[in-house]
């Protein structure tokens, strides 16, 4: 696969040997179809988006752990205790989903570093910028994802 991440260098970038170039990214920047796919600015945009998302998830997780530790108490009323246990179980399930999401974010960041980000794992074709903006951890193009979901549905119906 061609390493598109290394093809694009914008004016104003300075690369030292062995160091990554600092990419200028205006605050209002949004990737556009009119620019080269997965150029340095787009990669930096998605890297920052993924890093912010990961930081938010980890912060939420920290607050949940603190909250669970603080709320451990003996509740005499059975209905209240059952309600609290249900809430805790739901919170723990949510945190488990977020833990898995953090792992997917880490994989996406690795794909950026390896020059594979933005390309469908199944077809090698570019994933649309709109799809990546909505779901930056996407690994399949919309068409490949739909095929995958149809195959899953067929197997579930068996």
N, C-alpha and C. Protein backbone atom coordinates (compact mmCIF):
# COMPACT_ATOMS: atom_id res chain seq x y z
N UNK A 1 0.86 -1.19 0.00
CA UNK A 1 0.00 0.00 0.00
C UNK A 1 0.90 1.24 0.00
N UNK A 2 0.49 2.21 -0.76
CA UNK A 2 1.23 3.46 -0.83
C UNK A 2 1.06 4.20 0.49
N UNK A 3 2.13 4.78 0.99
CA UNK A 3 2.06 5.52 2.24
C UNK A 3 1.72 6.97 1.92
N UNK A 4 0.41 7.25 1.85
CA UNK A 4 -0.05 8.59 1.49
C UNK A 4 0.30 9.61 2.55
N UNK A 5 0.51 9.19 3.78
CA UNK A 5 0.80 10.12 4.86
C UNK A 5 2.12 10.83 4.62
N UNK A 6 3.04 10.18 3.92
CA UNK A 6 4.36 10.76 3.71
C UNK A 6 4.46 11.53 2.40
N UNK A 7 3.41 11.43 1.55
CA UNK A 7 3.45 12.09 0.26
C UNK A 7 3.23 13.59 0.34
N UNK A 8 2.42 14.04 1.27
CA UNK A 8 2.01 15.43 1.30
C UNK A 8 2.84 16.21 2.30
N UNK A 9 3.46 17.26 1.83
CA UNK A 9 4.11 18.18 2.77
C UNK A 9 3.61 19.57 2.43
N UNK A 10 3.04 20.23 3.40
CA UNK A 10 2.52 21.58 3.20
C UNK A 10 3.63 22.59 3.42
N UNK A 11 3.49 23.73 2.78
CA UNK A 11 4.44 24.81 3.01
C UNK A 11 4.41 25.20 4.47
N UNK A 12 5.55 25.46 5.03
CA UNK A 12 5.60 25.85 6.43
C UNK A 12 5.91 24.70 7.36
N UNK A 13 5.90 23.48 6.84
CA UNK A 13 6.26 22.34 7.68
C UNK A 13 7.78 22.20 7.63
N UNK A 14 8.36 21.86 8.75
CA UNK A 14 9.80 21.67 8.82
C UNK A 14 10.07 20.32 9.44
N UNK A 15 10.78 19.47 8.71
CA UNK A 15 11.04 18.13 9.22
C UNK A 15 12.51 17.99 9.58
N UNK A 16 12.75 17.66 10.82
CA UNK A 16 14.09 17.33 11.28
C UNK A 16 14.25 15.83 11.10
N UNK A 17 15.45 15.33 10.82
CA UNK A 17 15.62 13.89 10.69
C UNK A 17 15.19 13.19 11.98
N UNK A 18 14.34 12.16 11.82
CA UNK A 18 13.90 11.38 12.97
C UNK A 18 12.79 12.03 13.78
N UNK A 19 12.33 13.21 13.37
CA UNK A 19 11.26 13.90 14.12
C UNK A 19 10.06 14.10 13.21
N UNK A 20 8.89 14.06 13.80
CA UNK A 20 7.68 14.35 13.03
C UNK A 20 7.54 15.84 12.85
N UNK A 21 7.03 16.22 11.68
CA UNK A 21 6.82 17.63 11.40
C UNK A 21 5.60 18.12 12.15
N UNK A 22 5.67 19.35 12.60
CA UNK A 22 4.52 19.98 13.25
C UNK A 22 3.59 20.44 12.13
N UNK A 23 2.34 20.06 12.20
CA UNK A 23 1.38 20.40 11.16
C UNK A 23 0.50 21.52 11.69
N UNK A 24 0.45 22.63 10.94
CA UNK A 24 -0.42 23.73 11.32
C UNK A 24 -1.84 23.36 10.95
N UNK A 25 -2.73 23.48 11.93
CA UNK A 25 -4.13 23.13 11.71
C UNK A 25 -5.00 24.25 12.26
N UNK A 26 -5.62 25.04 11.37
CA UNK A 26 -6.51 26.11 11.85
C UNK A 26 -7.62 25.53 12.71
N UNK A 27 -8.10 26.29 13.69
CA UNK A 27 -9.15 25.82 14.60
C UNK A 27 -10.41 25.40 13.87
N UNK A 28 -10.74 26.08 12.78
CA UNK A 28 -11.97 25.78 12.06
C UNK A 28 -11.76 24.78 10.91
N UNK A 29 -10.61 24.12 10.88
CA UNK A 29 -10.31 23.19 9.79
C UNK A 29 -11.26 22.00 9.80
N UNK A 30 -11.73 21.63 8.62
CA UNK A 30 -12.50 20.41 8.39
C UNK A 30 -11.95 19.77 7.13
N UNK A 31 -11.69 18.47 7.16
CA UNK A 31 -11.20 17.80 5.95
C UNK A 31 -12.19 17.98 4.79
N UNK A 32 -11.65 18.19 3.60
CA UNK A 32 -12.50 18.39 2.42
C UNK A 32 -12.10 17.42 1.32
N UNK A 33 -13.09 17.03 0.53
CA UNK A 33 -12.84 16.11 -0.59
C UNK A 33 -11.96 16.75 -1.66
N UNK A 34 -11.86 18.08 -1.68
CA UNK A 34 -11.09 18.78 -2.70
C UNK A 34 -9.58 18.72 -2.47
N UNK A 35 -9.15 18.26 -1.28
CA UNK A 35 -7.72 18.17 -1.00
C UNK A 35 -7.26 16.70 -1.12
N UNK A 36 -5.96 16.49 -1.25
CA UNK A 36 -5.47 15.10 -1.35
C UNK A 36 -5.90 14.27 -0.14
N UNK A 37 -6.37 13.05 -0.40
CA UNK A 37 -6.87 12.19 0.66
C UNK A 37 -5.76 11.82 1.64
N UNK A 38 -6.05 11.96 2.92
CA UNK A 38 -5.16 11.64 4.03
C UNK A 38 -3.82 12.37 3.92
N UNK A 39 -3.92 13.66 3.57
CA UNK A 39 -2.71 14.49 3.58
C UNK A 39 -2.36 14.80 5.03
N UNK A 40 -1.28 15.50 5.25
CA UNK A 40 -0.79 15.76 6.61
C UNK A 40 -1.82 16.47 7.48
N UNK A 41 -2.55 17.41 6.90
CA UNK A 41 -3.56 18.14 7.70
C UNK A 41 -4.72 17.23 8.10
N UNK A 42 -5.18 16.40 7.17
CA UNK A 42 -6.28 15.49 7.50
C UNK A 42 -5.84 14.49 8.57
N UNK A 43 -4.64 13.96 8.43
CA UNK A 43 -4.14 13.01 9.43
C UNK A 43 -4.04 13.67 10.80
N UNK A 44 -3.55 14.91 10.84
CA UNK A 44 -3.44 15.63 12.11
C UNK A 44 -4.82 15.93 12.69
N UNK A 45 -5.77 16.27 11.84
CA UNK A 45 -7.15 16.52 12.29
C UNK A 45 -7.70 15.27 12.97
N UNK A 46 -7.57 14.12 12.32
CA UNK A 46 -8.12 12.89 12.89
C UNK A 46 -7.32 12.44 14.11
N UNK A 47 -6.01 12.67 14.11
CA UNK A 47 -5.21 12.33 15.30
C UNK A 47 -5.70 13.13 16.50
N UNK A 48 -5.88 14.43 16.33
CA UNK A 48 -6.35 15.28 17.43
C UNK A 48 -7.75 14.88 17.89
N UNK A 49 -8.61 14.57 16.93
CA UNK A 49 -9.98 14.16 17.26
C UNK A 49 -9.95 12.88 18.09
N UNK A 50 -9.15 11.91 17.68
CA UNK A 50 -9.03 10.64 18.41
C UNK A 50 -8.43 10.85 19.80
N UNK A 51 -7.40 11.67 19.89
CA UNK A 51 -6.75 11.92 21.19
C UNK A 51 -7.72 12.61 22.16
N UNK A 52 -8.51 13.56 21.66
CA UNK A 52 -9.49 14.25 22.51
C UNK A 52 -10.57 13.28 22.98
N UNK A 53 -11.01 12.41 22.08
CA UNK A 53 -12.04 11.43 22.42
C UNK A 53 -11.52 10.46 23.48
N UNK A 54 -10.28 10.00 23.28
CA UNK A 54 -9.67 9.08 24.26
C UNK A 54 -9.53 9.75 25.63
N UNK A 55 -9.08 10.99 25.65
CA UNK A 55 -8.91 11.72 26.91
C UNK A 55 -10.26 11.87 27.62
N UNK A 56 -11.31 12.17 26.86
CA UNK A 56 -12.65 12.32 27.45
C UNK A 56 -13.12 10.99 28.06
N UNK A 57 -12.92 9.89 27.34
CA UNK A 57 -13.34 8.58 27.84
C UNK A 57 -12.56 8.19 29.10
N UNK A 58 -11.26 8.45 29.10
CA UNK A 58 -10.44 8.10 30.26
C UNK A 58 -10.82 8.96 31.47
N UNK A 59 -11.13 10.22 31.22
CA UNK A 59 -11.56 11.11 32.31
C UNK A 59 -12.89 10.64 32.89
N UNK A 60 -13.84 10.27 32.01
CA UNK A 60 -15.13 9.74 32.48
C UNK A 60 -14.92 8.48 33.30
N UNK A 61 -14.03 7.65 32.85
CA UNK A 61 -13.75 6.39 33.55
C UNK A 61 -13.19 6.65 34.94
N UNK A 62 -12.30 7.62 35.04
CA UNK A 62 -11.71 7.98 36.33
C UNK A 62 -12.79 8.46 37.30
N UNK A 63 -13.69 9.30 36.80
CA UNK A 63 -14.78 9.81 37.64
C UNK A 63 -15.73 8.69 38.07
N UNK A 64 -15.97 7.74 37.19
CA UNK A 64 -16.84 6.61 37.52
C UNK A 64 -16.23 5.78 38.64
N UNK A 65 -14.96 5.49 38.52
CA UNK A 65 -14.29 4.69 39.55
C UNK A 65 -14.36 5.41 40.89
N UNK A 66 -14.08 6.72 40.88
CA UNK A 66 -14.16 7.49 42.13
C UNK A 66 -15.58 7.46 42.68
N UNK A 67 -16.58 7.60 41.80
CA UNK A 67 -17.97 7.60 42.23
C UNK A 67 -18.40 6.26 42.79
N UNK A 68 -17.95 5.18 42.19
CA UNK A 68 -18.29 3.85 42.68
C UNK A 68 -17.66 3.60 44.05
N UNK A 69 -16.43 4.07 44.21
CA UNK A 69 -15.76 3.90 45.50
C UNK A 69 -16.46 4.71 46.59
N UNK A 70 -16.89 5.91 46.26
CA UNK A 70 -17.56 6.78 47.23
C UNK A 70 -18.96 6.26 47.60
N UNK A 71 -19.63 5.61 46.64
CA UNK A 71 -21.02 5.23 46.89
C UNK A 71 -21.16 3.83 47.50
N UNK A 72 -20.05 3.18 47.81
CA UNK A 72 -20.14 1.88 48.45
C UNK A 72 -20.63 2.08 49.88
N UNK A 73 -21.84 1.59 50.14
CA UNK A 73 -22.43 1.78 51.46
C UNK A 73 -23.48 0.70 51.69
N UNK A 74 -23.87 0.56 52.92
CA UNK A 74 -24.87 -0.43 53.28
C UNK A 74 -26.24 0.23 53.28
N UNK A 75 -27.11 -0.24 52.38
CA UNK A 75 -28.45 0.32 52.28
C UNK A 75 -29.43 -0.71 52.83
N UNK A 76 -30.12 -0.37 53.93
CA UNK A 76 -31.00 -1.36 54.56
C UNK A 76 -32.23 -1.72 53.72
N UNK A 77 -32.81 -0.78 52.98
CA UNK A 77 -34.01 -1.05 52.20
C UNK A 77 -33.66 -1.90 50.98
N UNK A 78 -34.30 -3.06 50.83
CA UNK A 78 -33.99 -3.98 49.73
C UNK A 78 -34.25 -3.37 48.36
N UNK A 79 -35.33 -2.64 48.22
CA UNK A 79 -35.65 -2.02 46.93
C UNK A 79 -34.60 -0.97 46.56
N UNK A 80 -34.18 -0.16 47.53
CA UNK A 80 -33.14 0.85 47.28
C UNK A 80 -31.81 0.18 46.93
N UNK A 81 -31.49 -0.89 47.66
CA UNK A 81 -30.24 -1.61 47.41
C UNK A 81 -30.26 -2.22 46.01
N UNK A 82 -31.38 -2.84 45.64
CA UNK A 82 -31.50 -3.44 44.30
C UNK A 82 -31.36 -2.38 43.22
N UNK A 83 -31.97 -1.24 43.44
CA UNK A 83 -31.88 -0.14 42.47
C UNK A 83 -30.43 0.33 42.32
N UNK A 84 -29.74 0.48 43.44
CA UNK A 84 -28.35 0.92 43.39
C UNK A 84 -27.46 -0.12 42.69
N UNK A 85 -27.71 -1.39 42.98
CA UNK A 85 -26.93 -2.45 42.33
C UNK A 85 -27.16 -2.47 40.82
N UNK A 86 -28.40 -2.23 40.41
CA UNK A 86 -28.72 -2.16 38.99
C UNK A 86 -27.98 -0.99 38.34
N UNK A 87 -27.99 0.15 39.01
CA UNK A 87 -27.28 1.33 38.50
C UNK A 87 -25.79 1.05 38.37
N UNK A 88 -25.20 0.39 39.37
CA UNK A 88 -23.77 0.07 39.35
C UNK A 88 -23.44 -0.88 38.20
N UNK A 89 -24.30 -1.88 38.03
CA UNK A 89 -24.07 -2.86 36.95
C UNK A 89 -24.12 -2.17 35.59
N UNK A 90 -25.10 -1.29 35.42
CA UNK A 90 -25.22 -0.55 34.17
C UNK A 90 -23.99 0.33 33.94
N UNK A 91 -23.55 1.00 34.98
CA UNK A 91 -22.37 1.85 34.89
C UNK A 91 -21.12 1.04 34.53
N UNK A 92 -20.98 -0.12 35.13
CA UNK A 92 -19.83 -0.97 34.83
C UNK A 92 -19.88 -1.50 33.39
N UNK A 93 -21.07 -1.82 32.90
CA UNK A 93 -21.21 -2.26 31.51
C UNK A 93 -20.84 -1.13 30.56
N UNK A 94 -21.29 0.06 30.90
CA UNK A 94 -20.96 1.23 30.07
C UNK A 94 -19.45 1.44 30.05
N UNK A 95 -18.82 1.35 31.20
CA UNK A 95 -17.36 1.52 31.28
C UNK A 95 -16.63 0.43 30.49
N UNK A 96 -17.16 -0.79 30.48
CA UNK A 96 -16.54 -1.86 29.72
C UNK A 96 -16.61 -1.56 28.22
N UNK A 97 -17.76 -1.03 27.78
CA UNK A 97 -17.89 -0.63 26.37
C UNK A 97 -16.89 0.49 26.05
N UNK A 98 -16.74 1.42 26.98
CA UNK A 98 -15.80 2.52 26.74
C UNK A 98 -14.36 2.03 26.74
N UNK A 99 -14.06 1.03 27.57
CA UNK A 99 -12.71 0.45 27.56
C UNK A 99 -12.40 -0.14 26.19
N UNK A 100 -13.38 -0.84 25.62
CA UNK A 100 -13.21 -1.42 24.28
C UNK A 100 -13.06 -0.32 23.24
N UNK A 101 -13.79 0.78 23.43
CA UNK A 101 -13.70 1.91 22.52
C UNK A 101 -12.31 2.55 22.58
N UNK A 102 -11.75 2.66 23.78
CA UNK A 102 -10.40 3.20 23.92
C UNK A 102 -9.41 2.32 23.16
N UNK A 103 -9.58 1.01 23.21
CA UNK A 103 -8.69 0.10 22.46
C UNK A 103 -8.82 0.35 20.96
N UNK A 104 -10.04 0.59 20.47
CA UNK A 104 -10.23 0.89 19.05
C UNK A 104 -9.61 2.22 18.67
N UNK A 105 -9.68 3.19 19.58
CA UNK A 105 -9.04 4.50 19.34
C UNK A 105 -7.53 4.31 19.24
N UNK A 106 -6.96 3.50 20.13
CA UNK A 106 -5.52 3.21 20.09
C UNK A 106 -5.14 2.58 18.75
N UNK A 107 -5.97 1.65 18.27
CA UNK A 107 -5.70 1.01 16.97
C UNK A 107 -5.75 2.04 15.85
N UNK A 108 -6.71 2.96 15.90
CA UNK A 108 -6.82 4.00 14.87
C UNK A 108 -5.58 4.91 14.89
N UNK A 109 -5.12 5.26 16.09
CA UNK A 109 -3.91 6.09 16.20
C UNK A 109 -2.70 5.35 15.63
N UNK A 110 -2.64 4.04 15.87
CA UNK A 110 -1.55 3.23 15.32
C UNK A 110 -1.62 3.22 13.78
N UNK A 111 -2.85 3.11 13.24
CA UNK A 111 -3.01 3.12 11.78
C UNK A 111 -2.57 4.47 11.20
N UNK A 112 -2.81 5.56 11.93
CA UNK A 112 -2.33 6.87 11.47
C UNK A 112 -0.82 6.85 11.39
N UNK A 113 -0.17 6.37 12.45
CA UNK A 113 1.30 6.33 12.48
C UNK A 113 1.88 5.43 11.39
N UNK A 114 1.14 4.38 11.03
CA UNK A 114 1.62 3.43 10.03
C UNK A 114 1.22 3.80 8.61
N UNK A 115 0.47 4.91 8.45
CA UNK A 115 0.05 5.35 7.12
C UNK A 115 -1.09 4.54 6.53
N UNK A 116 -1.84 3.83 7.37
CA UNK A 116 -2.94 2.99 6.88
C UNK A 116 -4.31 3.58 7.22
N UNK A 117 -4.33 4.68 7.95
CA UNK A 117 -5.59 5.26 8.40
C UNK A 117 -6.40 5.80 7.22
N UNK A 118 -7.72 5.57 7.28
CA UNK A 118 -8.60 6.14 6.27
C UNK A 118 -8.87 5.21 5.11
N UNK A 119 -8.24 4.04 5.11
CA UNK A 119 -8.42 3.09 4.03
C UNK A 119 -9.12 1.84 4.55
N UNK A 120 -10.06 1.34 3.76
CA UNK A 120 -10.86 0.18 4.13
C UNK A 120 -9.96 -1.05 4.28
N UNK A 121 -10.10 -1.75 5.40
CA UNK A 121 -9.30 -2.95 5.64
C UNK A 121 -9.66 -4.08 4.68
N UNK A 122 -10.88 -4.04 4.15
CA UNK A 122 -11.34 -5.11 3.27
C UNK A 122 -10.98 -4.85 1.82
N UNK A 123 -11.19 -3.61 1.36
CA UNK A 123 -11.02 -3.31 -0.07
C UNK A 123 -9.77 -2.48 -0.37
N UNK A 124 -9.23 -1.79 0.63
CA UNK A 124 -8.10 -0.91 0.40
C UNK A 124 -8.51 0.45 -0.15
N UNK A 125 -9.80 0.62 -0.41
CA UNK A 125 -10.31 1.89 -0.93
C UNK A 125 -10.41 2.93 0.19
N UNK A 126 -10.36 4.22 -0.16
CA UNK A 126 -10.53 5.25 0.87
C UNK A 126 -11.91 5.18 1.52
N UNK A 127 -11.95 5.42 2.81
CA UNK A 127 -13.20 5.54 3.56
C UNK A 127 -13.61 7.00 3.45
N UNK A 128 -14.88 7.28 3.23
CA UNK A 128 -15.30 8.67 3.01
C UNK A 128 -14.96 9.53 4.23
N UNK A 129 -14.63 10.78 3.95
CA UNK A 129 -14.29 11.72 5.02
C UNK A 129 -15.48 11.94 5.95
N UNK A 130 -16.69 11.95 5.40
CA UNK A 130 -17.88 12.12 6.24
C UNK A 130 -18.00 10.96 7.23
N UNK A 131 -17.75 9.75 6.76
CA UNK A 131 -17.82 8.57 7.63
C UNK A 131 -16.74 8.65 8.71
N UNK A 132 -15.52 9.00 8.33
CA UNK A 132 -14.43 9.11 9.30
C UNK A 132 -14.69 10.22 10.31
N UNK A 133 -15.28 11.31 9.86
CA UNK A 133 -15.57 12.41 10.78
C UNK A 133 -16.63 11.98 11.80
N UNK A 134 -17.62 11.21 11.33
CA UNK A 134 -18.68 10.74 12.23
C UNK A 134 -18.19 9.60 13.11
N UNK A 135 -17.34 8.73 12.58
CA UNK A 135 -16.85 7.56 13.31
C UNK A 135 -15.35 7.40 13.01
N UNK A 136 -14.50 8.16 13.70
CA UNK A 136 -13.08 8.16 13.38
C UNK A 136 -12.36 6.82 13.59
N UNK A 137 -13.04 5.86 14.22
CA UNK A 137 -12.41 4.54 14.40
C UNK A 137 -12.82 3.56 13.31
N UNK A 138 -13.56 4.03 12.31
CA UNK A 138 -14.04 3.16 11.23
C UNK A 138 -12.85 2.50 10.52
N UNK A 139 -13.01 1.21 10.24
CA UNK A 139 -11.97 0.47 9.52
C UNK A 139 -12.48 -0.04 8.19
N UNK A 140 -13.79 0.10 7.96
CA UNK A 140 -14.39 -0.36 6.72
C UNK A 140 -15.13 0.79 6.05
N UNK A 141 -15.12 0.79 4.71
CA UNK A 141 -15.93 1.77 3.98
C UNK A 141 -17.39 1.46 4.26
N UNK A 142 -18.25 2.39 3.95
CA UNK A 142 -19.68 2.19 4.20
C UNK A 142 -20.19 0.95 3.47
N UNK A 143 -19.78 0.77 2.22
CA UNK A 143 -20.23 -0.39 1.44
C UNK A 143 -19.74 -1.69 2.08
N UNK A 144 -18.47 -1.74 2.47
CA UNK A 144 -17.92 -2.95 3.10
C UNK A 144 -18.59 -3.22 4.44
N UNK A 145 -18.89 -2.16 5.20
CA UNK A 145 -19.58 -2.31 6.49
C UNK A 145 -20.98 -2.89 6.29
N UNK A 146 -21.67 -2.38 5.28
CA UNK A 146 -23.01 -2.90 4.99
C UNK A 146 -22.96 -4.37 4.59
N UNK A 147 -21.98 -4.76 3.76
CA UNK A 147 -21.82 -6.18 3.39
C UNK A 147 -21.55 -7.02 4.63
N UNK A 148 -20.68 -6.52 5.50
CA UNK A 148 -20.34 -7.22 6.73
C UNK A 148 -21.57 -7.42 7.60
N UNK A 149 -22.38 -6.38 7.74
CA UNK A 149 -23.59 -6.47 8.56
C UNK A 149 -24.61 -7.43 7.95
N UNK A 150 -24.72 -7.43 6.61
CA UNK A 150 -25.64 -8.37 5.96
C UNK A 150 -25.19 -9.81 6.20
N UNK A 151 -23.89 -10.08 6.09
CA UNK A 151 -23.36 -11.43 6.36
C UNK A 151 -23.61 -11.83 7.80
N UNK A 152 -23.41 -10.89 8.73
CA UNK A 152 -23.67 -11.17 10.14
C UNK A 152 -25.13 -11.51 10.37
N UNK A 153 -26.03 -10.78 9.74
CA UNK A 153 -27.46 -11.01 9.90
C UNK A 153 -27.83 -12.39 9.37
N UNK A 154 -27.28 -12.77 8.23
CA UNK A 154 -27.57 -14.08 7.65
C UNK A 154 -27.12 -15.19 8.59
N UNK A 155 -25.94 -15.02 9.18
CA UNK A 155 -25.42 -16.04 10.10
C UNK A 155 -26.22 -16.08 11.40
N UNK A 156 -26.73 -14.95 11.84
CA UNK A 156 -27.54 -14.92 13.07
C UNK A 156 -28.88 -15.60 12.85
N UNK A 157 -29.41 -15.51 11.65
CA UNK A 157 -30.71 -16.11 11.35
C UNK A 157 -30.64 -17.64 11.25
N UNK A 158 -29.45 -18.19 11.12
CA UNK A 158 -29.30 -19.67 11.00
C UNK A 158 -29.66 -20.38 12.28
